[in-house]
Amino acid sequence: DYIQGLSVIGVQQIDRVVEVVEETLKGNSVRMFGSKREEGKKIGGAKLDLPKIRRNPLVEIIAINTGCLNQCTYCKTKHARGELGSYPPEEIVARAVQSFQEGVCEIWLTSEDTGAYGRDIGSSLPELLWQLVEVIPEGCRLRLGMTNPPYIMDHLDEMAKILNHDRVYSFLHVPVQAGSDAVLFDMKREYTISQFEELVNHLKSHVPGITIITDIICGFPTETDEDFQETMELVKRHNFPSLFINQFFPRPGTPAAKMKRIPTQIVKSRTRELSEYFQTVKPYEGREGKIYSVLVTETSHDGNYYVAHNEFYEQVLVPKLPELMGKMFKVRVVSTSKFSMIGELIDDSQVIRPSLADALQLGQVSGGAGKEATENSAPLRQTSTSSLMQPSQFHKYFKTTFILVLSVAVFIRILQIVHIL
């Protein structure tokens, strides 16, 4: 009754949003839920070769799978995205090739859990990464997205080799969520603290300088003071350079939402204690004089610098010179702060463009010429996108779709607030 007369589309059907908008504009109400399936088996989701506008023309974000294999008691991902559905490796590689031919110099692999990739299609994350490494141009780089501990544990040696590759950032985001085995058990995280630390220590010893970041949930319903102190001890042992700290929030429909909550003042106190300690960690202290090869892909939030990353995906701020955007060169660190370093160009450093072509213009539609360029294995040429969708048509549908999706999102959020109240 709450959404009577509205059109609603599920996350697995996002590539059919134009059809839904068209039918809605005609006055029809469309409901399109469920997972995409082929031969009765769930697949990744929307096609990877759909036309798109990159937020950053130098960076391509590729989803490698949707859904997950976990049953975490606090999480709604399984409800929204269902079981694991991996994209075929050839589709992911093809999208990467097309992106590089459109001037991209960095690709990010994303999913709810990259470590689980391929388990439903007889493949694995290392197999995919080795195929991608083969098509990454020299100087361009790949960043791997979040992976939960259980599945990456099966591939530690192979992952260490990949993370040492000069075209892959030595970087990994592995959420631990709590430092207590008792809390992890109640969360149904399917690993112990000793296993998490085995993962961290193995990668640190086999991938020199690797950046490992993690997440913590403060105030899970069954977390005691002793449990929280174990979390503090874990964080102090590893001094993660980046730490995502979240307060527990009961997601409606999850098992954890039915558990008795810890008083708010205690949750805030634990969050504050953890945050205050994290602010004392200075991962870049003493790096002055260090020399790194960096790749520039964006502008800093204050607009005063260009943002580059070294091989460990550590942030290095460099002079805002137009000729440096999208380029790779060497810098010497001259100063550091909590979250970044500032570097100056080395006088004899070569400034090179690692990408195969000039990047698309901001707002330009990707995908129209990619297939042709891929088949010809040649640098991208400017060609018409009419076979897919003209930019003006794309923007028209994008605007209408955005308004529709935003309206539904706001409406659902209002319902959630009313329900909570």
Protein backbone atom coordinates (compact mmCIF):
# COMPACT_ATOMS: atom_id res chain seq x y z
CA ASP A 1 0.00 0.00 0.00
CA TYR A 2 2.89 2.36 0.76
CA ILE A 3 4.09 2.40 -2.86
CA GLN A 4 0.72 2.16 -4.58
CA GLY A 5 0.93 3.70 -8.04
CA LEU A 6 4.73 4.02 -7.99
CA SER A 7 7.21 2.18 -10.18
CA VAL A 8 9.92 0.30 -8.33
CA ILE A 9 13.02 -1.33 -9.78
CA GLY A 10 15.39 -3.73 -8.04
CA VAL A 11 19.16 -3.36 -7.96
CA GLN A 12 19.61 -6.32 -10.29
CA GLN A 13 17.46 -4.71 -12.98
CA ILE A 14 19.12 -1.30 -13.17
CA ASP A 15 19.96 -1.79 -16.86
CA ARG A 16 16.23 -1.78 -17.61
CA VAL A 17 15.60 1.56 -15.94
CA VAL A 18 14.92 3.29 -19.28
CA GLU A 19 12.05 0.86 -19.96
CA VAL A 20 10.66 1.48 -16.49
CA VAL A 21 10.86 5.28 -16.90
CA GLU A 22 9.14 5.11 -20.30
CA GLU A 23 6.30 2.99 -18.94
CA THR A 24 5.97 5.22 -15.88
CA LEU A 25 5.72 8.33 -18.07
CA LYS A 26 2.86 6.61 -19.89
CA GLY A 27 1.03 6.30 -16.59
CA ASN A 28 1.82 2.65 -15.92
CA SER A 29 3.10 1.26 -12.64
CA VAL A 30 6.00 -1.16 -13.02
CA ARG A 31 7.43 -3.56 -10.44
CA MET A 32 10.68 -5.19 -11.49
CA PHE A 33 12.40 -7.16 -8.75
CA GLY A 34 14.32 -10.39 -8.54
CA SER A 35 17.74 -11.51 -9.65
CA LYS A 36 18.99 -11.81 -13.20
CA ARG A 37 19.30 -15.45 -14.18
CA GLU A 38 20.59 -17.48 -17.07
CA GLU A 39 19.73 -21.17 -17.29
CA GLY A 40 18.28 -20.92 -13.80
CA LYS A 41 21.48 -19.56 -12.28
CA LYS A 42 22.02 -16.08 -10.87
CA ILE A 43 24.38 -13.86 -12.87
CA GLY A 44 26.24 -10.68 -11.98
CA GLY A 45 23.58 -8.13 -12.89
CA ALA A 46 23.46 -5.28 -15.39
CA LYS A 47 25.72 -5.74 -18.41
CA LEU A 48 29.18 -4.24 -18.02
CA ASP A 49 29.20 -2.78 -21.53
CA LEU A 50 26.28 -0.41 -20.99
CA PRO A 51 26.94 3.23 -21.95
CA LYS A 52 27.99 5.25 -18.93
CA ILE A 53 29.41 8.60 -17.91
CA ARG A 54 32.46 8.25 -15.69
CA ARG A 55 32.57 10.50 -12.67
CA ASN A 56 36.32 10.65 -13.25
CA PRO A 57 37.38 10.11 -16.90
CA LEU A 58 40.70 8.69 -15.72
CA VAL A 59 39.21 6.01 -13.45
CA GLU A 60 37.02 3.08 -14.45
CA ILE A 61 35.04 1.29 -11.74
CA ILE A 62 34.15 -2.29 -12.62
CA ALA A 63 31.80 -4.46 -10.58
CA ILE A 64 33.07 -8.05 -10.67
CA ASN A 65 30.23 -9.68 -8.74
CA THR A 66 27.04 -8.86 -6.84
CA GLY A 67 25.54 -10.38 -3.71
CA CYS A 68 27.54 -12.36 -1.19
CA LEU A 69 27.98 -15.72 0.48
CA ASN A 70 27.80 -14.45 4.06
CA GLN A 71 24.92 -14.28 6.55
CA CYS A 72 26.10 -11.41 8.77
CA THR A 73 23.46 -10.73 11.39
CA TYR A 74 23.68 -6.92 11.12
CA CYS A 75 23.74 -6.57 7.33
CA LYS A 76 21.00 -6.02 4.73
CA THR A 77 23.16 -6.77 1.68
CA LYS A 78 21.92 -10.33 1.37
CA HIS A 79 18.32 -9.07 1.50
CA ALA A 80 18.92 -6.50 -1.25
CA ARG A 81 21.36 -8.27 -3.55
CA GLY A 82 20.87 -11.95 -2.82
CA GLU A 83 23.35 -14.76 -3.36
CA LEU A 84 26.70 -14.38 -5.06
CA GLY A 85 26.57 -13.69 -8.80
CA SER A 86 29.92 -13.31 -10.58
CA TYR A 87 30.45 -11.73 -13.97
CA PRO A 88 32.32 -13.93 -16.47
CA PRO A 89 36.03 -13.03 -16.50
CA GLU A 90 35.97 -12.36 -20.25
CA GLU A 91 33.32 -9.63 -19.76
CA ILE A 92 35.38 -7.96 -17.03
CA VAL A 93 38.56 -8.10 -19.09
CA ALA A 94 36.75 -6.73 -22.16
CA ARG A 95 35.45 -3.78 -20.13
CA ALA A 96 38.95 -3.11 -18.80
CA VAL A 97 40.44 -3.18 -22.32
CA GLN A 98 37.77 -0.79 -23.60
CA SER A 99 38.36 1.55 -20.65
CA PHE A 100 42.10 1.77 -21.25
CA GLN A 101 41.45 2.52 -24.91
CA GLU A 102 39.22 5.40 -23.77
CA GLY A 103 42.08 7.01 -21.87
CA VAL A 104 41.55 5.48 -18.42
CA CYS A 105 44.77 4.96 -16.44
CA GLU A 106 43.35 3.34 -13.31
CA ILE A 107 40.69 0.68 -12.75
CA TRP A 108 38.96 -0.18 -9.49
CA LEU A 109 37.40 -3.59 -8.97
CA THR A 110 34.37 -3.44 -6.68
CA SER A 111 31.74 -5.70 -5.16
CA GLU A 112 30.24 -6.55 -1.80
CA ASP A 113 33.10 -9.06 -1.40
CA THR A 114 35.77 -9.29 -4.09
CA GLY A 115 37.39 -12.26 -2.35
CA ALA A 116 34.34 -14.41 -3.07
CA TYR A 117 34.58 -13.77 -6.82
CA GLY A 118 34.20 -16.80 -9.06
CA ARG A 119 33.07 -19.35 -6.48
CA ASP A 120 29.75 -19.66 -8.28
CA ILE A 121 31.22 -20.03 -11.78
CA GLY A 122 34.23 -22.26 -11.15
CA SER A 123 36.79 -19.45 -11.11
CA SER A 124 38.59 -17.40 -8.46
CA LEU A 125 39.80 -13.87 -7.76
CA PRO A 126 43.49 -14.68 -8.51
CA GLU A 127 42.53 -16.20 -11.87
CA LEU A 128 40.66 -13.01 -12.79
CA LEU A 129 43.45 -10.73 -11.60
CA TRP A 130 46.12 -12.55 -13.61
CA GLN A 131 43.98 -12.13 -16.74
CA LEU A 132 43.55 -8.41 -16.02
CA VAL A 133 47.25 -7.86 -15.40
CA GLU A 134 47.88 -9.06 -18.96
CA VAL A 135 45.84 -6.20 -20.45
CA ILE A 136 46.84 -3.33 -18.14
CA PRO A 137 49.15 -0.94 -20.04
CA GLU A 138 52.51 -0.20 -18.50
CA GLY A 139 52.18 2.60 -15.95
CA CYS A 140 48.44 2.10 -15.46
CA ARG A 141 47.25 0.51 -12.25
CA LEU A 142 44.53 -1.63 -10.71
CA ARG A 143 43.05 -1.18 -7.25
CA LEU A 144 41.27 -4.10 -5.64
CA GLY A 145 38.13 -3.37 -3.62
CA MET A 146 36.88 -4.70 -0.32
CA THR A 147 37.28 -8.37 0.54
CA ASN A 148 36.05 -10.18 3.62
CA PRO A 149 38.61 -12.42 5.36
CA PRO A 150 37.10 -15.93 4.89
CA TYR A 151 37.49 -16.29 1.13
CA ILE A 152 40.73 -14.42 0.55
CA MET A 153 42.36 -16.75 3.11
CA ASP A 154 42.27 -19.52 0.50
CA HIS A 155 44.52 -17.56 -1.87
CA LEU A 156 47.06 -15.78 0.35
CA ASP A 157 50.20 -16.85 -1.50
CA GLU A 158 48.76 -16.12 -4.92
CA MET A 159 47.33 -12.79 -3.74
CA ALA A 160 50.72 -11.78 -2.37
CA LYS A 161 52.26 -12.34 -5.81
CA ILE A 162 49.56 -10.26 -7.48
CA LEU A 163 49.78 -7.42 -4.95
CA ASN A 164 53.52 -7.25 -5.62
CA HIS A 165 52.91 -6.70 -9.35
CA ASP A 166 53.93 -3.25 -10.56
CA ARG A 167 50.54 -2.71 -12.23
CA VAL A 168 48.53 -3.53 -9.09
CA TYR A 169 48.41 -1.29 -6.03
CA SER A 170 49.81 -2.97 -2.92
CA PHE A 171 46.59 -2.18 -1.11
CA LEU A 172 43.77 -4.20 0.45
CA HIS A 173 40.60 -3.28 2.35
CA VAL A 174 39.73 -6.12 4.75
CA PRO A 175 36.92 -5.30 7.24
CA VAL A 176 37.40 -7.03 10.58
CA GLN A 177 34.39 -5.32 12.31
CA ALA A 178 35.38 -6.40 15.84
CA GLY A 179 38.45 -7.57 17.76
CA SER A 180 36.60 -10.16 19.84
CA ASP A 181 35.92 -13.74 18.74
CA ALA A 182 32.71 -13.74 20.78
CA VAL A 183 31.35 -10.71 18.91
CA LEU A 184 32.49 -12.08 15.55
CA PHE A 185 30.59 -15.30 16.32
CA ASP A 186 27.42 -13.32 17.11
CA MET A 187 27.91 -11.34 13.90
CA LYS A 188 28.33 -14.63 11.96
CA ARG A 189 31.51 -13.34 10.39
CA GLU A 190 32.92 -16.87 9.85
CA TYR A 191 36.51 -16.20 10.97
CA THR A 192 38.44 -15.63 14.18
CA ILE A 193 40.77 -12.83 15.16
CA SER A 194 43.75 -15.17 14.86
CA GLN A 195 42.76 -15.93 11.26
CA PHE A 196 42.37 -12.22 10.47
CA GLU A 197 45.79 -11.49 11.94
CA GLU A 198 47.30 -14.41 10.05
CA LEU A 199 46.01 -12.79 6.86
CA VAL A 200 47.38 -9.36 7.79
CA ASN A 201 50.76 -10.64 8.95
CA HIS A 202 51.19 -12.90 5.92
CA LEU A 203 50.54 -10.07 3.47
CA LYS A 204 52.75 -7.63 5.38
CA SER A 205 55.63 -10.11 5.32
CA HIS A 206 55.20 -11.08 1.66
CA VAL A 207 54.19 -7.67 0.21
CA PRO A 208 56.65 -5.10 1.61
CA GLY A 209 54.99 -1.78 2.37
CA ILE A 210 51.44 -2.98 1.68
CA THR A 211 48.59 -0.76 2.86
CA ILE A 212 45.88 -2.70 4.73
CA ILE A 213 42.83 -0.83 5.98
CA THR A 214 39.82 -2.10 7.91
CA ASP A 215 36.38 -1.35 9.40
CA ILE A 216 35.14 -1.49 13.00
CA ILE A 217 31.56 -1.55 14.30
CA CYS A 218 31.28 -0.06 17.79
CA GLY A 219 28.43 -1.11 20.06
CA PHE A 220 27.21 -4.35 18.54
CA PRO A 221 24.43 -5.55 20.90
CA THR A 222 26.47 -8.36 22.48
CA GLU A 223 29.72 -6.38 22.78
CA THR A 224 30.92 -6.17 26.38
CA ASP A 225 33.52 -3.81 27.80
CA GLU A 226 36.03 -6.66 27.61
CA ASP A 227 35.13 -7.31 23.97
CA PHE A 228 35.66 -3.66 23.11
CA GLN A 229 39.06 -3.64 24.81
CA GLU A 230 40.06 -6.57 22.61
CA THR A 231 39.11 -4.44 19.62
CA MET A 232 41.24 -1.59 20.94
CA GLU A 233 44.19 -3.96 21.40
CA LEU A 234 43.81 -5.26 17.84
CA VAL A 235 43.84 -1.73 16.42
CA LYS A 236 46.88 -0.80 18.53
CA ARG A 237 48.78 -3.87 17.35
CA HIS A 238 48.37 -2.99 13.68
CA ASN A 239 47.88 0.80 13.60
CA PHE A 240 45.85 0.71 10.39
CA PRO A 241 46.53 3.84 8.29
CA SER A 242 42.83 4.13 7.50
CA LEU A 243 40.04 2.97 9.80
CA PHE A 244 36.34 3.19 9.06
CA ILE A 245 34.55 3.45 12.41
CA ASN A 246 30.80 2.90 12.49
CA GLN A 247 28.29 2.83 15.33
CA PHE A 248 25.97 -0.15 15.28
CA PHE A 249 22.61 0.60 13.70
CA PRO A 250 19.78 -1.96 13.74
CA ARG A 251 18.77 -2.67 10.14
CA PRO A 252 15.09 -3.65 10.07
CA GLY A 253 14.65 -7.32 9.25
CA THR A 254 18.12 -8.42 10.39
CA PRO A 255 18.71 -10.78 13.35
CA ALA A 256 20.80 -8.12 15.12
CA ALA A 257 17.87 -5.70 15.05
CA LYS A 258 16.03 -8.02 17.43
CA MET A 259 18.86 -8.04 19.97
CA LYS A 260 18.82 -5.81 23.03
CA ARG A 261 20.81 -2.68 22.23
CA ILE A 262 23.66 -1.24 24.28
CA PRO A 263 22.87 2.17 25.81
CA THR A 264 23.63 4.97 23.38
CA GLN A 265 26.01 6.76 25.74
CA ILE A 266 28.17 3.63 25.98
CA VAL A 267 28.27 3.22 22.20
CA LYS A 268 29.28 6.86 21.80
CA SER A 269 31.94 6.52 24.47
CA ARG A 270 33.50 3.50 22.76
CA THR A 271 33.36 5.22 19.38
CA ARG A 272 35.05 8.29 20.83
CA GLU A 273 37.80 6.24 22.52
CA LEU A 274 38.58 4.37 19.30
CA SER A 275 38.46 7.54 17.20
CA GLU A 276 40.75 9.43 19.57
CA TYR A 277 43.32 6.65 19.41
CA PHE A 278 43.12 6.48 15.63
CA GLN A 279 43.86 10.20 15.43
CA THR A 280 47.20 9.56 17.19
CA VAL A 281 48.31 7.15 14.46
CA LYS A 282 50.55 8.96 11.98
CA PRO A 283 51.41 6.50 9.22
CA TYR A 284 53.41 8.99 7.13
CA GLU A 285 55.51 10.45 9.93
CA GLY A 286 59.21 10.41 9.08
CA ARG A 287 58.68 9.93 5.33
CA GLU A 288 60.29 13.27 4.41
CA GLY A 289 62.89 12.72 1.70
CA LYS A 290 61.35 9.47 0.45
CA ILE A 291 61.03 9.15 -3.33
CA TYR A 292 57.96 7.58 -4.94
CA SER A 293 56.62 7.02 -8.42
CA VAL A 294 53.07 8.43 -8.39
CA LEU A 295 50.04 8.53 -10.67
CA VAL A 296 47.77 11.62 -10.67
CA THR A 297 44.03 11.05 -11.13
CA GLU A 298 42.10 13.81 -9.32
CA THR A 299 42.06 17.21 -7.62
CA SER A 300 42.16 17.67 -3.84
CA HIS A 301 38.98 18.68 -2.00
CA ASP A 302 40.32 22.16 -1.30
CA GLY A 303 41.30 22.58 -4.96
CA ASN A 304 44.89 23.51 -4.10
CA TYR A 305 46.64 20.31 -5.20
CA TYR A 306 46.42 17.38 -7.55
CA VAL A 307 46.00 14.03 -5.82
CA ALA A 308 48.39 11.25 -6.73
CA HIS A 309 48.96 7.79 -5.29
CA ASN A 310 52.15 5.79 -4.94
CA GLU A 311 52.41 2.02 -5.40
CA PHE A 312 50.88 1.45 -1.95
CA TYR A 313 47.86 3.62 -2.77
CA GLU A 314 49.07 6.20 -0.27
CA GLN A 315 47.91 9.73 -1.02
CA VAL A 316 50.53 12.17 -2.23
CA LEU A 317 49.55 15.80 -2.94
CA VAL A 318 51.49 17.37 -5.83
CA PRO A 319 51.58 20.83 -7.48
CA LYS A 320 48.43 21.67 -9.43
CA LEU A 321 50.00 21.87 -12.88
CA PRO A 322 47.65 20.98 -15.76
CA GLU A 323 50.34 18.95 -17.53
CA LEU A 324 50.49 16.54 -14.56
CA MET A 325 46.87 15.31 -14.62
CA GLY A 326 46.72 11.68 -15.70
CA LYS A 327 50.51 11.44 -15.68
CA MET A 328 53.07 9.32 -13.83
CA PHE A 329 56.32 10.76 -12.46
CA LYS A 330 58.64 10.67 -9.45
CA VAL A 331 58.33 12.93 -6.42
CA ARG A 332 60.26 13.57 -3.24
CA VAL A 333 58.21 13.90 -0.04
CA VAL A 334 58.69 17.30 1.55
CA SER A 335 56.08 17.17 4.34
CA THR A 336 53.45 14.87 5.82
CA SER A 337 50.13 14.99 7.64
CA LYS A 338 47.71 12.48 9.13
CA PHE A 339 46.16 11.40 5.82
CA SER A 340 48.62 12.40 3.11
CA MET A 341 52.10 13.41 2.04
CA ILE A 342 53.11 16.43 -0.03
CA GLY A 343 55.60 15.78 -2.80
CA GLU A 344 57.68 17.87 -5.15
CA LEU A 345 58.75 16.77 -8.62
CA ILE A 346 62.27 15.49 -8.91
CA ASP A 347 64.14 17.65 -11.41
CA ASP A 348 65.19 14.85 -13.75
CA SER A 349 61.92 12.89 -13.45
CA GLN A 350 60.16 11.98 -16.67
CA VAL A 351 56.48 12.88 -16.84
CA ILE A 352 54.75 10.17 -18.85
CA ARG A 353 51.17 9.47 -19.87
CA PRO A 354 50.54 5.76 -19.24
CA SER A 355 47.10 5.69 -20.87
CA LEU A 356 46.70 4.57 -24.48
CA ALA A 357 44.71 7.64 -25.54
CA ASP A 358 43.43 10.98 -24.31
CA ALA A 359 40.73 10.54 -21.68
CA LEU A 360 37.11 11.21 -22.59
CA GLN A 361 35.80 14.65 -21.75
CA LEU A 362 33.99 15.02 -18.43
CA GLY A 363 30.36 14.13 -19.13
CA GLN A 364 31.13 12.27 -22.36
CA VAL A 365 29.41 8.91 -22.76
CA SER A 366 31.63 5.85 -22.60
CA GLY A 367 30.88 2.66 -24.44
CA GLY A 368 29.93 3.77 -27.91
CA ALA A 369 33.27 3.24 -29.56
CA GLY A 370 34.69 0.75 -27.10
CA LYS A 371 33.53 -2.42 -28.83
CA GLU A 372 34.92 -1.36 -32.21
CA ALA A 373 38.19 -0.29 -30.66
CA THR A 374 38.48 -3.56 -28.74
CA GLU A 375 37.91 -5.64 -31.85
CA ASN A 376 40.50 -3.67 -33.83
CA SER A 377 42.99 -3.61 -30.93
CA ALA A 378 43.86 -0.04 -31.82
CA PRO A 379 43.75 3.26 -29.90
CA LEU A 380 40.27 4.67 -29.54
CA ARG A 381 38.89 6.86 -32.32
CA GLN A 382 36.04 9.32 -31.96
CA THR A 383 33.00 7.51 -33.40
CA SER A 384 29.26 7.84 -33.13
CA THR A 385 27.38 6.34 -30.19
CA SER A 386 24.09 6.31 -32.07
CA SER A 387 23.98 2.52 -32.11
CA LEU A 388 23.57 2.62 -28.35
CA MET A 389 22.19 5.99 -27.35
CA GLN A 390 22.86 9.57 -28.36
CA PRO A 391 24.33 11.74 -25.56
CA SER A 392 21.32 14.09 -25.62
CA GLN A 393 18.99 11.11 -25.32
CA PHE A 394 21.14 9.62 -22.59
CA HIS A 395 21.05 12.86 -20.58
CA LYS A 396 17.28 13.11 -21.01
CA TYR A 397 16.72 9.63 -19.67
CA PHE A 398 19.36 10.10 -16.99
CA LYS A 399 17.64 13.23 -15.68
CA THR A 400 14.20 11.61 -15.67
CA THR A 401 15.58 8.44 -14.10
CA PHE A 402 17.42 10.39 -11.43
CA ILE A 403 14.26 12.25 -10.43
CA LEU A 404 12.28 8.98 -10.30
CA VAL A 405 14.89 7.10 -8.28
CA LEU A 406 15.45 10.04 -5.91
CA SER A 407 11.71 10.39 -5.30
CA VAL A 408 11.34 6.71 -4.50
CA ALA A 409 14.42 6.78 -2.23
CA VAL A 410 13.09 9.78 -0.28
CA PHE A 411 9.66 8.18 0.01
CA ILE A 412 11.09 4.90 1.31
CA ARG A 413 13.30 6.77 3.79
CA ILE A 414 10.26 8.63 5.13
CA LEU A 415 8.49 5.30 5.62
CA GLN A 416 11.54 3.95 7.47
CA ILE A 417 11.58 6.96 9.79
CA VAL A 418 7.86 6.63 10.45
CA HIS A 419 8.33 2.94 11.15
CA ILE A 420 11.21 3.65 13.57
CA LEU A 421 9.17 6.30 15.37
